């Protein structure tokens, strides 16, 4: 029976009910809210479909490893049940932890990232079982964590220690999207990341600003440090930063060259005032997927209230992240940053490492598992898929490639206006339904590969 002939209506509706249940659970890992309760709810959903679920303690939240089905092929799925904080709550147009439908979209924290992704796959698995008379025609291993939004501090060690239990023909990653033209967008890699704070203190207490004549200013020193880290084109200026960068393959470059240019839609959606160097087309996506980058996330210190306050702040700090590409090592990048600051007389600026580092990862675009995902996406969406060699974002993909040795592909239900990590996070109703159909067909086709 083909996807067109099979009626997915009840499975999509059931999935929406399950998604509403999970969205109500405020599983904010950054604040330790409702993580065991959400792990319990996910466990119940999996066990209802015949999964054996093992639960392991993580540093922040439980890690779930579930298994069901039999067959010559094995699919490993990775998802997470934790979400970002909902703040600022006043910018939501409906309660953040209540799944609400408006104008063809489902709103709620986690509606897309990542509860919507998880539930669309579970609903697709139910449909697959119904198609096969109640049986699952392949083995499915499902790894679901609750720490992804705080850097997955437990996952790398967990995957390394359980690598023999995670062997599979391929790993289906936790996200993906549909572009403004309705094309499915898939990814075969993720950038690495390291998140840091630069801290500077010049006194134990704020001073009157008259002392600026004789006491240095921590915000000036931080500004000097930050300005030294990249040039006007965005290229990082830390010596040695690019030394280990693995050259992109011809397949990677060819893939980037064929990506439809949706930069104008991004510009319009977010009100962007222009791109670095006027990047567009293949150059836009080459930078996004294949180039490392430094981001300054925030600079803080001193007086920030209304009007003036003539003060010389005692302390200031800046938050930043590096997005890395194969074969850059996060720890080496931190060491290079330290040497760079010291060489410029900024040895008083402290570097504090924040969330766990993520190493970069990129799978072979020609691997049959990756090609299968592309083929199924084409059939389900009726449009030519867009395959990126790497997302510009980051996640804990590297341990799966390094320790388990599986190809990884990301395919899912997000959208450009999905407001992931922001107020009014959402998924389009039509995309959720397509995600259910994709899940069913992808697993069915894999079982017969």
Protein backbone atom coordinates (compact mmCIF):
# COMPACT_ATOMS: atom_id res chain seq x y z
CA UNK A 1 0.00 0.00 0.00
CA UNK A 2 1.44 3.39 -1.00
CA UNK A 3 1.48 6.53 1.10
CA UNK A 4 -1.24 8.02 -1.12
CA UNK A 5 -3.55 5.03 -0.57
CA UNK A 6 -3.08 4.81 3.19
CA UNK A 7 -5.30 6.94 5.45
CA UNK A 8 -3.13 8.72 8.00
CA UNK A 9 -5.91 10.85 9.49
CA UNK A 10 -6.37 8.99 12.78
CA UNK A 11 -2.61 8.73 13.34
CA UNK A 12 -2.10 12.45 12.80
CA UNK A 13 -4.97 13.26 15.16
CA UNK A 14 -3.62 10.88 17.78
CA UNK A 15 -0.22 12.47 17.43
CA UNK A 16 -1.67 15.92 18.03
CA UNK A 17 -3.24 14.70 21.27
CA UNK A 18 0.06 13.24 22.40
CA UNK A 19 1.87 16.44 21.49
CA UNK A 20 -0.58 18.47 23.56
CA UNK A 21 0.15 16.19 26.52
CA UNK A 22 3.92 16.64 26.21
CA UNK A 23 3.74 20.42 25.64
CA UNK A 24 1.90 20.75 28.95
CA UNK A 25 4.95 19.32 30.73
CA UNK A 26 7.36 22.21 31.38
CA UNK A 27 10.56 20.25 30.73
CA UNK A 28 12.98 23.20 30.85
CA UNK A 29 16.41 21.63 31.33
CA UNK A 30 18.15 24.95 32.03
CA UNK A 31 16.00 25.26 35.14
CA UNK A 32 15.55 21.57 35.99
CA UNK A 33 11.78 21.74 35.61
CA UNK A 34 9.62 18.62 35.16
CA UNK A 35 12.34 16.50 33.58
CA UNK A 36 11.61 13.17 35.36
CA UNK A 37 7.88 13.69 34.79
CA UNK A 38 8.41 14.21 31.07
CA UNK A 39 10.70 11.19 30.86
CA UNK A 40 7.88 9.20 32.49
CA UNK A 41 5.36 10.46 29.94
CA UNK A 42 7.61 9.61 26.99
CA UNK A 43 8.25 6.17 28.47
CA UNK A 44 4.52 5.49 28.68
CA UNK A 45 4.03 6.51 25.05
CA UNK A 46 6.83 4.21 23.89
CA UNK A 47 5.77 1.26 26.02
CA UNK A 48 2.24 1.54 24.62
CA UNK A 49 3.77 0.79 21.19
CA UNK A 50 5.66 -2.27 22.42
CA UNK A 51 9.02 -0.68 23.18
CA UNK A 52 11.23 -1.95 25.94
CA UNK A 53 12.51 1.20 27.63
CA UNK A 54 15.62 1.38 29.77
CA UNK A 55 16.17 4.51 31.84
CA UNK A 56 19.58 5.85 32.87
CA UNK A 57 20.53 8.72 35.13
CA UNK A 58 22.02 11.72 33.34
CA UNK A 59 23.82 14.68 34.82
CA UNK A 60 20.69 16.81 34.39
CA UNK A 61 17.85 14.54 33.24
CA UNK A 62 17.09 10.86 32.57
CA UNK A 63 18.32 9.27 29.33
CA UNK A 64 15.92 6.81 27.68
CA UNK A 65 17.01 3.95 25.43
CA UNK A 66 14.09 2.11 23.83
CA UNK A 67 13.92 -0.82 21.43
CA UNK A 68 11.15 -2.55 19.48
CA UNK A 69 10.57 -4.58 16.33
CA UNK A 70 12.47 -7.21 14.39
CA UNK A 71 13.91 -7.42 10.92
CA UNK A 72 17.10 -7.35 8.86
CA UNK A 73 17.36 -3.55 9.09
CA UNK A 74 17.83 -1.37 12.15
CA UNK A 75 17.02 2.32 12.52
CA UNK A 76 18.49 4.41 15.32
CA UNK A 77 16.45 7.54 16.14
CA UNK A 78 17.70 10.42 18.28
CA UNK A 79 15.36 12.96 19.91
CA UNK A 80 15.19 15.02 23.08
CA UNK A 81 12.30 15.88 25.39
CA UNK A 82 13.71 19.01 27.05
CA UNK A 83 12.87 22.53 25.86
CA UNK A 84 14.16 26.06 26.13
CA UNK A 85 12.81 28.47 28.79
CA UNK A 86 9.60 30.19 27.74
CA UNK A 87 10.74 33.68 28.75
CA UNK A 88 9.87 36.40 27.98
CA UNK A 89 6.41 34.99 28.64
CA UNK A 90 4.63 38.27 27.88
CA UNK A 91 5.62 38.00 24.20
CA UNK A 92 3.62 34.80 23.71
CA UNK A 93 0.21 35.22 22.07
CA UNK A 94 -1.08 32.09 23.83
CA UNK A 95 0.08 30.15 26.91
CA UNK A 96 3.53 28.69 26.12
CA UNK A 97 2.75 25.31 27.71
CA UNK A 98 -0.62 24.82 26.07
CA UNK A 99 -0.75 23.55 22.49
CA UNK A 100 -2.87 26.12 20.64
CA UNK A 101 -3.93 26.11 16.98
CA UNK A 102 -4.12 29.41 15.10
CA UNK A 103 -4.15 30.02 11.37
CA UNK A 104 -2.89 26.57 10.44
CA UNK A 105 -0.12 26.45 13.04
CA UNK A 106 0.28 24.68 16.39
CA UNK A 107 1.86 26.96 19.00
CA UNK A 108 3.61 25.95 22.22
CA UNK A 109 7.07 25.47 23.67
CA UNK A 110 8.40 22.27 22.14
CA UNK A 111 5.74 22.16 19.41
CA UNK A 112 8.63 21.99 16.97
CA UNK A 113 11.84 21.55 19.00
CA UNK A 114 11.71 18.73 19.79
CA UNK A 115 8.45 17.29 21.06
CA UNK A 116 6.72 17.84 17.74
CA UNK A 117 9.50 16.01 15.93
CA UNK A 118 9.41 13.12 18.41
CA UNK A 119 5.63 12.72 18.30
CA UNK A 120 5.38 12.94 14.50
CA UNK A 121 7.80 10.01 14.32
CA UNK A 122 5.90 8.03 16.94
CA UNK A 123 2.62 8.61 15.08
CA UNK A 124 4.31 7.48 11.86
CA UNK A 125 5.51 4.32 13.59
CA UNK A 126 1.94 3.59 14.68
CA UNK A 127 0.81 3.98 11.08
CA UNK A 128 3.57 1.64 9.91
CA UNK A 129 2.47 -1.01 12.38
CA UNK A 130 -1.12 -0.69 11.19
CA UNK A 131 0.06 -1.04 7.59
CA UNK A 132 1.84 -4.28 8.55
CA UNK A 133 -0.93 -5.87 10.56
CA UNK A 134 0.30 -4.72 13.98
CA UNK A 135 3.96 -5.67 13.58
CA UNK A 136 7.02 -3.49 13.13
CA UNK A 137 8.98 -4.70 10.07
CA UNK A 138 12.36 -3.43 11.26
CA UNK A 139 14.19 -2.96 14.51
CA UNK A 140 13.94 0.56 15.94
CA UNK A 141 16.32 1.80 18.60
CA UNK A 142 15.31 5.14 20.05
CA UNK A 143 17.64 7.28 22.15
CA UNK A 144 15.83 10.18 23.83
CA UNK A 145 17.56 12.54 26.24
CA UNK A 146 16.49 15.51 28.34
CA UNK A 147 19.67 17.59 28.26
CA UNK A 148 20.05 18.74 24.64
CA UNK A 149 19.12 22.34 25.36
CA UNK A 150 21.94 22.60 27.93
CA UNK A 151 24.62 21.06 25.71
CA UNK A 152 23.94 17.31 26.24
CA UNK A 153 26.54 16.91 29.02
CA UNK A 154 25.77 13.19 29.46
CA UNK A 155 25.31 12.10 25.87
CA UNK A 156 28.85 11.70 24.52
CA UNK A 157 29.86 9.38 27.36
CA UNK A 158 26.55 7.53 27.13
CA UNK A 159 26.92 6.88 23.40
CA UNK A 160 30.54 5.79 23.85
CA UNK A 161 29.65 3.41 26.70
CA UNK A 162 26.60 1.97 24.91
CA UNK A 163 27.94 1.99 21.36
CA UNK A 164 27.47 -1.77 20.92
CA UNK A 165 23.78 -1.41 21.81
CA UNK A 166 23.27 1.43 19.33
CA UNK A 167 24.51 -0.24 16.15
CA UNK A 168 22.18 0.43 13.23
CA UNK A 169 22.02 0.98 9.48
CA UNK A 170 21.71 4.70 10.09
CA UNK A 171 20.64 7.35 12.56
CA UNK A 172 17.67 9.65 12.00
CA UNK A 173 18.49 12.95 13.68
CA UNK A 174 16.13 15.06 15.76
CA UNK A 175 15.20 17.87 13.40
CA UNK A 176 14.68 19.03 9.83
CA UNK A 177 12.51 21.57 8.08
CA UNK A 178 10.26 22.60 5.22
CA UNK A 179 11.36 25.74 3.38
CA UNK A 180 9.02 28.61 2.35
CA UNK A 181 8.50 27.01 -1.07
CA UNK A 182 7.37 23.74 0.52
CA UNK A 183 10.58 21.85 -0.19
CA UNK A 184 11.83 19.39 2.48
CA UNK A 185 15.22 20.41 3.84
CA UNK A 186 17.58 17.67 5.09
CA UNK A 187 21.00 17.87 6.73
CA UNK A 188 23.89 15.40 6.86
CA UNK A 189 25.96 17.18 9.47
CA UNK A 190 26.18 19.66 12.31
CA UNK A 191 28.76 22.22 13.32
CA UNK A 192 30.57 21.88 16.59
CA UNK A 193 30.25 24.52 19.27
CA UNK A 194 32.01 25.88 22.30
CA UNK A 195 30.31 28.50 24.52
CA UNK A 196 32.40 30.84 26.63
CA UNK A 197 32.36 33.91 28.83
CA UNK A 198 35.08 36.53 28.83
CA UNK A 199 35.21 38.21 32.25
CA UNK A 200 37.11 41.28 33.36
CA UNK A 201 37.30 42.92 36.82
CA UNK A 202 39.21 46.09 37.68
CA UNK A 203 37.96 46.76 41.25
CA UNK A 204 35.89 45.30 44.05
CA UNK A 205 33.26 48.01 43.68
CA UNK A 206 32.01 50.42 41.04
CA UNK A 207 33.75 53.78 41.11
CA UNK A 208 32.78 57.36 40.33
CA UNK A 209 33.45 57.94 36.65
CA UNK A 210 36.02 60.64 37.45
CA UNK A 211 38.43 57.81 38.20
CA UNK A 212 38.34 56.82 34.55
CA UNK A 213 41.35 59.10 34.24
CA UNK A 214 43.46 56.68 36.28
CA UNK A 215 41.57 53.33 36.43
CA UNK A 216 41.01 51.16 33.38
CA UNK A 217 37.49 50.20 32.36
CA UNK A 218 36.50 46.52 32.13
CA UNK A 219 34.10 47.23 29.26
CA UNK A 220 36.85 48.92 27.30
CA UNK A 221 39.13 45.92 27.82
CA UNK A 222 36.37 43.52 26.81
CA UNK A 223 35.59 45.64 23.75
CA UNK A 224 39.26 45.59 22.79
CA UNK A 225 39.32 41.82 23.15
CA UNK A 226 36.12 41.28 21.18
CA UNK A 227 37.17 43.60 18.38
CA UNK A 228 40.37 41.60 17.94
CA UNK A 229 38.59 38.29 17.31
CA UNK A 230 37.23 38.81 13.78
CA UNK A 231 37.42 41.17 10.82
CA UNK A 232 34.62 43.07 9.08
CA UNK A 233 33.88 40.13 6.77
CA UNK A 234 33.31 37.82 9.75
CA UNK A 235 36.56 35.90 9.33
CA UNK A 236 38.07 34.89 12.69
CA UNK A 237 41.48 36.51 13.28
CA UNK A 238 42.80 34.22 16.04
CA UNK A 239 46.13 32.77 14.84
CA UNK A 240 45.83 29.03 14.09
CA UNK A 241 42.02 29.05 14.14
CA UNK A 242 41.70 27.63 10.61
CA UNK A 243 44.71 25.30 10.71
CA UNK A 244 42.73 22.08 11.30
CA UNK A 245 39.72 22.84 9.10
CA UNK A 246 38.98 19.86 6.86
CA UNK A 247 38.47 20.88 3.27
CA UNK A 248 34.95 20.45 2.02
CA UNK A 249 34.47 17.55 -0.37
CA UNK A 250 33.41 18.13 -3.96
CA UNK A 251 30.07 16.54 -3.07
CA UNK A 252 29.66 19.08 -0.26
CA UNK A 253 30.43 21.97 -2.61
CA UNK A 254 28.12 20.59 -5.30
CA UNK A 255 25.31 20.25 -2.75
CA UNK A 256 25.78 23.84 -1.57
CA UNK A 257 25.72 25.07 -5.18
CA UNK A 258 22.28 23.50 -5.76
CA UNK A 259 20.56 24.86 -2.64
CA UNK A 260 17.75 27.26 -3.66
CA UNK A 261 18.54 30.76 -2.44
CA UNK A 262 16.06 31.50 0.35
CA UNK A 263 18.23 34.17 1.98
CA UNK A 264 15.70 36.86 1.01
CA UNK A 265 12.97 35.03 2.95
CA UNK A 266 15.22 34.87 6.00
CA UNK A 267 15.97 38.56 5.61
CA UNK A 268 12.28 39.43 5.44
CA UNK A 269 11.15 37.10 8.24
CA UNK A 270 13.62 38.46 10.78
CA UNK A 271 14.04 42.00 9.49
CA UNK A 272 17.75 41.50 8.81
CA UNK A 273 19.54 44.63 7.62
CA UNK A 274 21.82 42.76 5.19
CA UNK A 275 24.31 39.89 5.12
CA UNK A 276 28.06 39.99 5.73
CA UNK A 277 29.85 40.76 2.50
CA UNK A 278 26.52 40.77 0.68
CA UNK A 279 26.54 36.96 0.70
CA UNK A 280 23.81 35.25 -1.30
CA UNK A 281 23.23 32.06 -3.26
CA UNK A 282 25.95 29.41 -3.07
CA UNK A 283 28.28 31.68 -1.09
CA UNK A 284 25.58 32.26 1.54
CA UNK A 285 25.10 28.52 2.05
CA UNK A 286 28.81 27.72 1.80
CA UNK A 287 29.46 30.03 4.72
CA UNK A 288 26.45 28.79 6.65
CA UNK A 289 27.26 25.08 6.25
CA UNK A 290 31.00 24.83 5.71
CA UNK A 291 32.72 27.78 7.41
CA UNK A 292 33.46 28.15 11.14
CA UNK A 293 32.22 31.32 12.82
CA UNK A 294 32.49 33.38 16.00
CA UNK A 295 29.34 34.90 17.53
CA UNK A 296 29.17 37.49 20.31
CA UNK A 297 25.98 36.64 22.19
CA UNK A 298 25.94 39.53 24.64
CA UNK A 299 28.02 42.14 26.47
CA UNK A 300 27.09 43.08 30.02
CA UNK A 301 28.30 45.40 32.75
CA UNK A 302 27.86 48.81 34.26
CA UNK A 303 24.70 50.90 34.33
CA UNK A 304 21.84 49.89 32.02
CA UNK A 305 18.93 51.87 33.48
CA UNK A 306 17.11 54.97 32.29
CA UNK A 307 19.08 58.15 31.95
CA UNK A 308 22.72 58.51 32.92
CA UNK A 309 24.76 57.28 35.84
CA UNK A 310 28.33 58.48 35.87
CA UNK A 311 29.96 55.29 37.01
CA UNK A 312 33.07 53.33 36.17
CA UNK A 313 31.99 49.68 36.44
CA UNK A 314 34.08 47.30 38.45
CA UNK A 315 33.20 44.26 36.36
CA UNK A 316 31.95 43.24 32.96
CA UNK A 317 31.55 40.10 30.90
CA UNK A 318 30.77 39.00 27.37
CA UNK A 319 29.20 35.75 26.18
CA UNK A 320 30.29 34.21 22.91
CA UNK A 321 30.23 30.98 20.96
CA UNK A 322 32.33 29.42 18.24
CA UNK A 323 30.59 27.27 15.60
CA UNK A 324 33.17 24.78 14.33
CA UNK A 325 33.61 22.49 11.32
CA UNK A 326 35.47 19.17 10.93
CA UNK A 327 38.27 18.69 12.18
CA UNK A 328 38.37 21.58 14.63
CA UNK A 329 38.67 20.65 18.30
CA UNK A 330 36.78 22.81 20.82
CA UNK A 331 39.44 22.51 23.52
CA UNK A 332 42.16 23.57 21.10
CA UNK A 333 40.08 26.58 20.06
CA UNK A 334 39.88 27.69 23.71
CA UNK A 335 43.66 27.35 24.04
CA UNK A 336 44.19 29.40 20.86
CA UNK A 337 41.85 32.10 22.22
CA UNK A 338 43.84 32.24 25.47
CA UNK A 339 47.11 32.64 23.60
CA UNK A 340 45.58 35.31 21.36
CA UNK A 341 44.41 37.42 24.31
CA UNK A 342 47.68 37.02 26.19
CA UNK A 343 49.66 38.15 23.15
CA UNK A 344 47.64 41.39 23.12
CA UNK A 345 48.21 42.22 26.77
CA UNK A 346 44.75 41.03 27.74
CA UNK A 347 45.89 38.32 30.12
CA UNK A 348 43.64 39.78 32.86
CA UNK A 349 40.56 38.70 30.91
CA UNK A 350 39.31 35.39 32.27
CA UNK A 351 37.93 32.71 29.94
CA UNK A 352 35.14 30.64 31.48
CA UNK A 353 33.84 27.61 29.59
CA UNK A 354 30.07 27.22 29.79
CA UNK A 355 27.96 24.33 28.41
CA UNK A 356 29.61 21.15 27.23
CA UNK A 357 31.56 21.39 23.98
CA UNK A 358 30.12 19.79 20.84
CA UNK A 359 32.48 18.41 18.19
CA UNK A 360 31.54 18.93 14.51
CA UNK A 361 30.28 16.06 12.38
CA UNK A 362 29.44 15.49 8.71
CA UNK A 363 28.22 12.33 6.96
CA UNK A 364 28.82 11.18 3.38
CA UNK A 365 26.10 12.67 1.17
CA UNK A 366 26.26 9.65 -1.15
CA UNK A 367 25.58 7.05 1.57
CA UNK A 368 22.52 4.88 0.73
CA UNK A 369 20.88 5.79 4.06
CA UNK A 370 21.14 9.50 3.30
CA UNK A 371 19.93 8.97 -0.27
CA UNK A 372 16.94 6.95 0.99
CA UNK A 373 15.87 9.84 3.22
CA UNK A 374 16.11 12.20 0.25
CA UNK A 375 14.09 9.86 -1.99
CA UNK A 376 11.32 9.41 0.58
CA UNK A 377 11.17 13.15 1.25
CA UNK A 378 10.72 13.71 -2.49
CA UNK A 379 7.86 11.21 -2.64
CA UNK A 380 6.04 12.48 0.44
CA UNK A 381 6.33 16.21 -0.26
CA UNK A 382 6.13 16.05 -4.04
CA UNK A 383 9.04 18.46 -4.37
CA UNK A 384 12.78 18.12 -4.90
CA UNK A 385 14.42 18.01 -1.45
CA UNK A 386 17.20 20.37 -0.43
CA UNK A 387 20.15 18.46 1.05
CA UNK A 388 22.62 20.47 3.12
CA UNK A 389 26.02 18.92 3.89
CA UNK A 390 25.75 20.51 7.33
CA UNK A 391 23.42 22.64 9.35
CA UNK A 392 24.78 25.96 10.54
CA UNK A 393 23.67 24.93 14.02
CA UNK A 394 25.11 22.45 16.47
CA UNK A 395 24.18 19.32 18.38
CA UNK A 396 25.61 16.10 19.79
CA UNK A 397 25.92 14.25 16.46
CA UNK A 398 29.66 13.57 16.62
CA UNK A 399 29.51 10.71 19.19
CA UNK A 400 27.14 8.74 16.95
CA UNK A 401 29.49 8.99 13.99
CA UNK A 402 32.67 8.57 16.06
CA UNK A 403 31.66 5.74 18.41
CA UNK A 404 28.78 3.96 16.64
CA UNK A 405 29.99 4.54 13.09
CA UNK A 406 26.57 5.26 11.59
CA UNK A 407 25.64 7.73 8.86
CA UNK A 408 23.31 10.43 10.17
CA UNK A 409 20.62 12.43 8.40
CA UNK A 410 18.27 15.06 9.79
CA UNK A 411 14.77 15.30 8.32
CA UNK A 412 11.81 16.83 10.09
CA UNK A 413 8.92 19.25 10.38
CA UNK A 414 10.33 22.68 11.30
CA UNK A 415 9.75 25.85 9.31
CA UNK A 416 11.50 29.19 8.81
CA UNK A 417 8.87 31.04 10.85
CA UNK A 418 8.77 28.38 13.56
CA UNK A 419 10.26 30.69 16.21
CA UNK A 420 12.30 27.88 17.74
CA UNK A 421 13.82 28.99 21.08
CA UNK A 422 11.71 32.17 20.91
CA UNK A 423 8.19 33.19 21.96
CA UNK A 424 5.41 31.74 19.81
CA UNK A 425 7.32 28.61 18.80
CA UNK A 426 5.19 26.72 16.31
CA UNK A 427 4.85 24.00 13.70
CA UNK A 428 2.52 24.13 10.74
CA UNK A 429 -0.35 21.65 10.94
CA UNK A 430 0.28 20.49 7.37
CA UNK A 431 3.97 19.90 8.09
CA UNK A 432 3.16 17.84 11.18
CA UNK A 433 0.92 15.61 9.05
CA UNK A 434 3.60 15.31 6.37
CA UNK A 435 6.08 14.37 9.08
CA UNK A 436 3.85 11.48 10.13
CA UNK A 437 3.67 10.27 6.54
CA UNK A 438 7.42 10.64 6.06
CA UNK A 439 8.15 8.66 9.23
CA UNK A 440 5.93 5.79 8.13
CA UNK A 441 7.32 5.62 4.60
CA UNK A 442 10.96 6.12 5.64
CA UNK A 443 10.85 3.22 8.10
CA UNK A 444 8.90 1.06 5.68
CA UNK A 445 11.37 1.67 2.85
CA UNK A 446 14.35 1.11 5.14
CA UNK A 447 12.94 -2.25 6.23
CA UNK A 448 12.97 -3.35 2.58
CA UNK A 449 16.36 -1.88 1.65
